[in-house]
Every structure is written in C-alpha cells, then in structure tokens.
Protein backbone atom coordinates (compact mmCIF):
# COMPACT_ATOMS: atom_id res chain seq x y z
CA UNK A 1 5.01 -17.66 -20.73
CA UNK A 2 3.08 -16.01 -17.91
CA UNK A 3 4.66 -12.89 -16.42
CA UNK A 4 4.51 -14.61 -13.02
CA UNK A 5 6.56 -17.67 -14.03
CA UNK A 6 9.88 -15.81 -13.70
CA UNK A 7 8.94 -14.36 -10.29
CA UNK A 8 11.73 -13.74 -7.79
CA UNK A 9 12.13 -17.08 -5.87
CA UNK A 10 11.90 -15.69 -2.33
CA UNK A 11 9.08 -13.28 -3.10
CA UNK A 12 7.27 -15.95 -5.10
CA UNK A 13 7.18 -18.08 -1.95
CA UNK A 14 5.60 -15.19 -0.05
CA UNK A 15 2.84 -14.91 -2.69
CA UNK A 16 2.25 -18.67 -2.63
CA UNK A 17 2.02 -18.54 1.16
CA UNK A 18 -0.63 -15.81 1.04
CA UNK A 19 -2.57 -17.77 -1.60
CA UNK A 20 -2.86 -20.65 0.88
CA UNK A 21 -5.12 -18.30 2.83
CA UNK A 22 -6.48 -15.84 0.27
CA UNK A 23 -8.25 -17.31 -2.77
CA UNK A 24 -8.23 -15.43 -6.08
CA UNK A 25 -6.48 -12.32 -4.71
CA UNK A 26 -3.07 -12.64 -6.39
CA UNK A 27 -3.09 -9.09 -7.76
CA UNK A 28 -3.79 -7.58 -4.34
CA UNK A 29 -1.16 -9.85 -2.75
CA UNK A 30 1.49 -8.78 -5.26
CA UNK A 31 0.59 -5.09 -5.01
CA UNK A 32 0.77 -5.25 -1.20
CA UNK A 33 4.22 -6.81 -1.48
CA UNK A 34 5.20 -4.13 -4.00
CA UNK A 35 4.21 -1.47 -1.46
CA UNK A 36 6.31 -3.06 1.29
CA UNK A 37 9.37 -3.36 -0.95
CA UNK A 38 8.98 0.23 -2.15
CA UNK A 39 8.61 1.51 1.42
CA UNK A 40 5.01 2.58 0.81
CA UNK A 41 1.62 1.93 2.37
CA UNK A 42 -1.77 0.76 1.13
CA UNK A 43 -5.30 2.08 1.55
CA UNK A 44 -7.74 -0.77 1.08
CA UNK A 45 -11.27 0.44 0.44
CA UNK A 46 -13.89 -2.29 0.38
CA UNK A 47 -16.99 -3.68 2.04
CA UNK A 48 -16.68 -5.75 5.24
CA UNK A 49 -16.07 -9.48 5.07
CA UNK A 50 -13.96 -9.79 1.91
CA UNK A 51 -10.72 -10.69 3.72
CA UNK A 52 -8.91 -7.39 4.34
CA UNK A 53 -7.70 -8.36 7.81
CA UNK A 54 -6.79 -11.88 6.71
CA UNK A 55 -4.69 -10.49 3.86
CA UNK A 56 -2.56 -8.39 6.24
CA UNK A 57 -2.20 -11.22 8.76
CA UNK A 58 -1.11 -13.67 6.06
CA UNK A 59 1.43 -11.16 4.77
CA UNK A 60 2.90 -10.50 8.20
CA UNK A 61 3.17 -14.22 9.04
CA UNK A 62 4.81 -14.91 5.68
CA UNK A 63 7.67 -12.49 6.35
CA UNK A 64 7.97 -13.21 10.07
CA UNK A 65 7.00 -9.66 10.96
CA UNK A 66 5.30 -8.35 14.09
CA UNK A 67 1.63 -7.73 13.35
CA UNK A 68 -0.37 -5.03 15.16
CA UNK A 69 -4.01 -4.13 14.64
CA UNK A 70 -5.54 -0.77 15.52
CA UNK A 71 -9.32 -0.53 15.49
CA UNK A 72 -10.06 3.13 14.85
CA UNK A 73 -13.09 4.51 16.67
CA UNK A 74 -14.38 8.07 17.27
CA UNK A 75 -13.00 8.11 20.84
CA UNK A 76 -9.50 6.84 19.97
CA UNK A 77 -6.76 9.22 21.11
CA UNK A 78 -3.38 9.86 19.45
CA UNK A 79 -1.66 8.34 22.50
CA UNK A 80 -3.65 5.13 21.92
CA UNK A 81 -1.72 4.83 18.66
CA UNK A 82 1.72 6.17 19.52
CA UNK A 83 2.02 5.24 23.19
CA UNK A 84 2.24 7.30 26.36
CA UNK A 85 4.71 8.24 29.10
CA UNK A 86 3.72 6.89 32.54
CA UNK A 87 5.32 7.93 35.81
CA UNK A 88 7.14 5.15 37.66
CA UNK A 89 7.14 6.03 41.40
CA UNK A 90 9.82 3.42 42.17
CA UNK A 91 12.28 4.81 39.64
CA UNK A 92 11.05 8.38 40.15
CA UNK A 93 10.88 8.99 36.40
CA UNK A 94 8.57 8.70 33.43
CA UNK A 95 8.68 5.54 31.31
CA UNK A 96 7.44 5.37 27.76
CA UNK A 97 4.95 2.61 26.96
CA UNK A 98 4.93 1.88 23.26
CA UNK A 99 1.65 1.96 21.35
CA UNK A 100 0.59 -0.41 18.56
CA UNK A 101 2.34 1.73 15.93
CA UNK A 102 5.61 0.12 17.11
CA UNK A 103 5.22 -2.97 14.94
CA UNK A 104 6.25 -4.06 11.47
CA UNK A 105 2.90 -4.66 9.78
CA UNK A 106 0.10 -2.41 11.01
CA UNK A 107 -3.56 -2.89 10.16
CA UNK A 108 -5.30 0.46 10.61
CA UNK A 109 -8.87 -0.78 10.54
CA UNK A 110 -11.54 1.75 9.50
CA UNK A 111 -9.13 4.67 9.62
CA UNK A 112 -11.91 7.09 8.61
CA UNK A 113 -13.82 6.33 11.84
CA UNK A 114 -11.47 8.35 14.02
CA UNK A 115 -10.76 12.07 14.36
CA UNK A 116 -8.25 13.87 12.12
CA UNK A 117 -5.99 14.42 15.15
CA UNK A 118 -5.69 10.68 15.74
CA UNK A 119 -5.35 9.98 12.02
CA UNK A 120 -2.40 12.38 11.91
CA UNK A 121 -0.60 10.41 14.63
CA UNK A 122 -0.50 7.40 12.32
CA UNK A 123 0.18 9.41 9.18
CA UNK A 124 3.25 11.06 10.74
CA UNK A 125 4.77 7.62 11.27
CA UNK A 126 3.92 6.60 7.71
CA UNK A 127 5.60 9.66 6.24
CA UNK A 128 8.62 10.06 8.52
CA UNK A 129 9.30 6.54 9.80
CA UNK A 130 9.27 8.05 13.28
CA UNK A 131 6.90 9.66 15.78
CA UNK A 132 7.28 12.48 18.27
CA UNK A 133 5.91 12.00 21.78
CA UNK A 134 6.52 14.49 24.61
CA UNK A 135 9.13 16.25 22.49
CA UNK A 136 11.12 13.06 21.89
CA UNK A 137 11.46 11.55 18.42
CA UNK A 138 11.23 7.76 18.37
CA UNK A 139 12.25 5.71 15.34
CA UNK A 140 9.79 3.03 14.22
CA UNK A 141 10.73 -0.55 13.46
CA UNK A 142 11.75 -1.70 9.98
CA UNK A 143 10.13 -2.89 7.88
CA UNK A 144 7.21 -0.62 8.62
CA UNK A 145 4.10 -1.10 6.54
CA UNK A 146 0.58 0.20 7.10
CA UNK A 147 -2.51 -1.18 5.44
CA UNK A 148 -5.42 1.09 6.27
CA UNK A 149 -8.99 0.08 5.53
CA UNK A 150 -12.17 2.06 5.09
CA UNK A 151 -15.74 1.10 4.31
CA UNK A 152 -17.02 2.79 1.13
CA UNK A 153 -20.73 2.29 1.86
CA UNK A 154 -21.18 3.56 5.43
CA UNK A 155 -20.19 7.21 5.91
CA UNK A 156 -22.20 8.03 9.05
CA UNK A 157 -19.90 9.29 11.79
CA UNK A 158 -16.76 9.16 9.64
CA UNK A 159 -13.92 11.57 8.95
CA UNK A 160 -12.88 11.16 5.31
CA UNK A 161 -9.14 11.41 4.69
CA UNK A 162 -8.19 14.74 3.05
CA UNK A 163 -6.46 14.57 -0.32
CA UNK A 164 -3.14 15.62 1.23
CA UNK A 165 -3.31 12.58 3.52
CA UNK A 166 -4.43 10.20 0.78
CA UNK A 167 -1.16 11.13 -0.92
CA UNK A 168 0.70 9.28 1.87
CA UNK A 169 -0.54 5.96 0.48
CA UNK A 170 1.36 4.39 -2.39
CA UNK A 171 -1.70 2.45 -3.59
CA UNK A 172 -5.43 2.55 -3.15
CA UNK A 173 -6.81 -0.95 -3.72
CA UNK A 174 -10.11 -2.80 -3.73
CA UNK A 175 -10.42 -6.56 -3.19
CA UNK A 176 -13.92 -7.13 -4.52
CA UNK A 177 -16.16 -10.15 -4.05
CA UNK A 178 -14.88 -13.60 -5.07
CA UNK A 179 -16.27 -15.53 -8.02
CA UNK A 180 -18.60 -18.46 -7.34
CA UNK A 181 -15.74 -20.96 -7.78
CA UNK A 182 -13.44 -18.93 -5.52
CA UNK A 183 -16.07 -18.63 -2.81
CA UNK A 184 -16.60 -22.39 -2.96
CA UNK A 185 -12.86 -22.85 -2.37
CA UNK A 186 -13.00 -20.37 0.51
CA UNK A 187 -15.74 -22.42 2.18
CA UNK A 188 -13.75 -25.62 1.64
CA UNK A 189 -10.63 -24.09 3.23
CA UNK A 190 -12.64 -22.80 6.21
CA UNK A 191 -14.53 -26.06 6.70
CA UNK A 192 -12.10 -27.24 9.37
CA UNK A 193 -9.13 -25.37 10.85
CA UNK A 194 -8.61 -21.85 9.50
CA UNK A 195 -5.64 -21.87 7.09
CA UNK A 196 -4.13 -18.70 8.62
CA UNK A 197 -3.00 -20.81 11.61
CA UNK A 198 -1.04 -23.19 9.39
CA UNK A 199 1.16 -20.84 7.40
CA UNK A 200 4.71 -20.12 8.54
CA UNK A 201 7.35 -17.53 7.75
CA UNK A 202 9.14 -18.06 4.42
CA UNK A 203 11.54 -15.08 4.64
CA UNK A 204 12.89 -13.11 7.57
CA UNK A 205 12.81 -9.42 8.33
CA UNK A 206 16.53 -9.27 7.56
CA UNK A 207 16.03 -10.88 4.14
CA UNK A 208 13.20 -8.46 3.39
CA UNK A 209 15.46 -5.52 4.30
CA UNK A 210 18.10 -6.82 1.87
CA UNK A 211 15.50 -7.12 -0.88
CA UNK A 212 14.32 -3.56 -0.19
CA UNK A 213 17.89 -2.36 -0.72
CA UNK A 214 18.14 -4.24 -4.02
CA UNK A 215 15.07 -2.45 -5.40
CA UNK A 216 17.02 0.77 -5.94
CA UNK A 217 19.26 -0.98 -8.48
CA UNK A 218 16.37 -1.85 -10.82
CA UNK A 219 17.17 0.12 -13.96
CA UNK A 220 14.88 2.97 -15.05
CA UNK A 221 15.55 4.12 -18.59
CA UNK A 222 15.17 7.80 -19.49
CA UNK A 223 12.34 6.90 -21.88
CA UNK A 224 10.45 5.32 -18.95
CA UNK A 225 10.99 8.44 -16.83
CA UNK A 226 9.63 10.58 -19.65
CA UNK A 227 6.68 8.19 -20.01
CA UNK A 228 5.83 8.66 -16.33
CA UNK A 229 6.15 12.44 -16.67
CA UNK A 230 3.85 12.44 -19.70
CA UNK A 231 1.14 10.53 -17.82
CA UNK A 232 1.28 12.63 -14.65
CA UNK A 233 1.59 15.83 -16.70
CA UNK A 234 -1.57 15.04 -18.66
CA UNK A 235 -3.43 14.47 -15.38
CA UNK A 236 -2.67 18.10 -14.46
CA UNK A 237 -3.95 19.49 -17.76
CA UNK A 238 -7.01 17.28 -18.23
CA UNK A 239 -10.22 19.34 -18.45
CA UNK A 240 -11.99 17.05 -15.97
CA UNK A 241 -9.29 17.44 -13.31
CA UNK A 242 -9.21 20.15 -10.65
CA UNK A 243 -5.93 18.98 -9.08
CA UNK A 244 -3.56 16.65 -10.93
CA UNK A 245 -0.87 14.21 -9.81
CA UNK A 246 2.12 15.88 -8.12
CA UNK A 247 5.86 15.19 -8.69
CA UNK A 248 5.67 13.05 -5.56
CA UNK A 249 3.15 10.89 -7.44
CA UNK A 250 5.66 10.53 -10.28
CA UNK A 251 8.31 9.35 -7.82
CA UNK A 252 5.83 6.94 -6.22
CA UNK A 253 4.96 5.43 -9.60
CA UNK A 254 8.63 4.95 -10.48
CA UNK A 255 9.46 3.36 -7.11
CA UNK A 256 6.44 1.07 -7.35
CA UNK A 257 7.48 0.02 -10.87
CA UNK A 258 10.99 -0.80 -9.64
CA UNK A 259 9.56 -3.06 -6.93
CA UNK A 260 7.04 -4.65 -9.31
CA UNK A 261 9.72 -5.42 -11.91
CA UNK A 262 11.93 -6.89 -9.17
CA UNK A 263 9.17 -9.20 -7.96
CA UNK A 264 8.65 -10.41 -11.52
CA UNK A 265 12.34 -11.28 -11.80
CA UNK A 266 13.52 -8.32 -13.89
CA UNK A 267 16.23 -5.74 -13.21
CA UNK A 268 14.63 -3.15 -15.48
CA UNK A 269 11.22 -1.48 -15.92
CA UNK A 270 9.10 -1.85 -19.05
CA UNK A 271 6.15 0.34 -20.14
CA UNK A 272 3.70 -2.43 -19.19
CA UNK A 273 4.72 -1.98 -15.55
CA UNK A 274 3.80 1.70 -15.66
CA UNK A 275 0.49 1.03 -17.42
CA UNK A 276 -0.48 -1.61 -14.86
CA UNK A 277 0.51 0.37 -11.75
CA UNK A 278 -0.56 3.89 -12.76
CA UNK A 279 -4.29 3.56 -11.89
CA UNK A 280 -3.48 2.16 -8.41
CA UNK A 281 -0.84 4.83 -7.79
CA UNK A 282 -2.40 7.95 -9.30
CA UNK A 283 -6.21 7.73 -9.12
CA UNK A 284 -6.45 8.60 -5.41
CA UNK A 285 -4.00 11.49 -5.84
CA UNK A 286 -6.12 13.56 -8.26
CA UNK A 287 -9.27 15.58 -7.64
CA UNK A 288 -11.97 15.70 -10.28
CA UNK A 289 -13.95 18.83 -11.05
CA UNK A 290 -17.49 18.84 -9.69
CA UNK A 291 -19.02 18.75 -13.18
CA UNK A 292 -16.98 15.62 -14.00
CA UNK A 293 -18.27 13.93 -10.86
CA UNK A 294 -21.81 14.98 -11.78
CA UNK A 295 -21.34 13.29 -15.16
CA UNK A 296 -20.39 10.07 -13.39
CA UNK A 297 -16.71 10.09 -14.28
CA UNK A 298 -14.21 8.41 -11.98
CA UNK A 299 -10.51 8.98 -11.36
CA UNK A 300 -9.74 5.38 -12.36
CA UNK A 301 -11.41 5.82 -15.74
CA UNK A 302 -9.60 9.10 -16.28
CA UNK A 303 -6.17 7.54 -15.62
CA UNK A 304 -6.96 4.65 -17.99
CA UNK A 305 -8.02 7.20 -20.62
CA UNK A 306 -4.77 9.14 -20.21
CA UNK A 307 -2.71 5.94 -20.52
CA UNK A 308 -4.55 4.91 -23.69
CA UNK A 309 -3.77 8.30 -25.29
CA UNK A 310 -0.12 8.52 -24.23
CA UNK A 311 2.44 7.19 -26.77
CA UNK A 312 4.28 4.14 -25.45
CA UNK A 313 8.10 4.32 -25.57
CA UNK A 314 9.42 1.66 -27.92
CA UNK A 315 13.13 2.51 -28.06
CA UNK A 316 15.63 2.76 -25.28
CA UNK A 317 17.32 6.12 -24.85
CA UNK A 318 20.92 6.60 -26.07
CA UNK A 319 22.00 7.17 -22.46
CA UNK A 320 20.35 3.94 -21.46
CA UNK A 321 21.59 0.66 -20.14
CA UNK A 322 24.18 -1.06 -22.29
C-alpha cells in the first residue's frame, strides 16, 4: 500500500486541490503543508517559470487563507513590508496602516533582491509571530506562513541570505522542471481557463488551527530522538563541515516529522520520516568548508551520506509508547 493512501482525510483534500493546479509536484505540496502545520516557513530556490507563485496561491485558496504577495526589490523599505503610521488630521492622531505581512500566506518573491534591513523586517515576523513598528508590538495573523523564493542563477544585484537567517526556514526546497508528460498536462490544463480560478477552499483557518494543535500529540519515541541527535551530531563533526546543524535544527526536524506523520495518517514517527525530511531540513543549516566546496561537494549529498552511515533504530525504547 502506498504511504499516501492512509493520508489524513482533510489534509488529503488539500493536496488533491493543489494537484488540480500543480502537476507532478506532490512532494513539494506535502512538504509545504508540513511546514504550515509545524509552524515553519519555506525557502523555495528555483528558476523562474516553474510554478512557485502558483503553488502558494493554490495552497492559500485551499485553506481559505488570506494571500499576500511581496515583490522584493532593491528599493523596498521595511515599512513597505510591515506597514506605516500615518497622521490623521481629522482625528489628530497617527493611524497604523498594515503592510502585506499582515496576511496568512505570504509569498516573499525574490527575497534576496532586497537589502538586509528590509529582509530583517520579514524575518522578525517569521521568528516571533509579531512585528515592532514605532515601538509598538503587533501580533500577526494565524496561521502565518511565508514561502520565500530566490533565483539560483542570477546573482547580480542580490543580497544573499546569511546562514543565521537561512536557519529561520524549516525547509529549503526546489521544484525542478516537469517531465515531458507532466508539461503536456500543464499545457492541457492551461489551454482554456486557468485552473487556479476554479479551486475552492476545502478546510477553514479554524480547522487548520485545530490540526496544528493536534500535531504536538504525535508520539516521538526516545529512539527517534536519539536518531535525530545522531544525525545532527555527525553533521557537526564531519570533516567537510565548517558549521554543523544546531540544536534548533534538531527541534525543527522533530517538529517536521510530527507534522509529516500526521499528514500520512499516523500518530507516531518512524525512522523513514526522519530519513526523508532530514535533507530538506538540515542541508541549508550547515556550512561546508571551502575545500569541500572546491571538490564539488554539496550539503544535500553530505546529509544523505550521514543518513546512510547512521544506524537505524529498530526497537522501541522501554520508556516508549505502550
């Protein structure tokens, strides 16, 4: 039986809804939903035209969430993201006008095109769930999910995200080009009316909030925790690594695995969940040594190598679930 056949009914409908728009991108759809449920965010690095914006729009429409898009440019100011206080002469006071960050699903398009100061305005909201403007802290809407995109082939005039800021993203994903058959289906879907206009919400914001609360009850056995620690620990000691995965990365991997297991209809994590999610969760959180980069090694390959050499837990701990 396929691992997707026992998928959570409500979340399965969300995935099906997205697949009415996005062809052959089930893994990215599921991982994006994992990030939302785990309270994380996604950095989507890929070339233009492969459907990054459409993915986020389909996701927001499927859960009935408010979608906001921010096109990052070199002249974008922090206030263009967060909002600004404007003086109202009739009321004789300042009124706050909310910026696009006050939405549920935010597409931060080409985030590396804007200055670090403007990037930090978005990243504060991602980390804290709130922003501070004119000394006043304002709580952001829930759910709050950011999918940031960046182009990996055009670096002129860009401001690459520092490693400390990359750590704010739960996953770093790539969509890739479709196969010939998938691209044929894409053309067929787009031949008449665009399918994005036809999809409707299948769950509400309130239902999504309830599902987010249920994630914390997905059981994590001690052997699974030790498995995560072994993987992240080896990333810190690997000879090709300058800076390994932090304890925050270990927490992120566990939370992602809880959400992933929940989507697949389980109330417990298995080692396969960790093996599948680790490259997406850890690769962007480590820094390779310069000689490793010179040899053509990648962080993804390194994480896969660590997983292949880490013993898989096969027995539940004595303190485990009865």
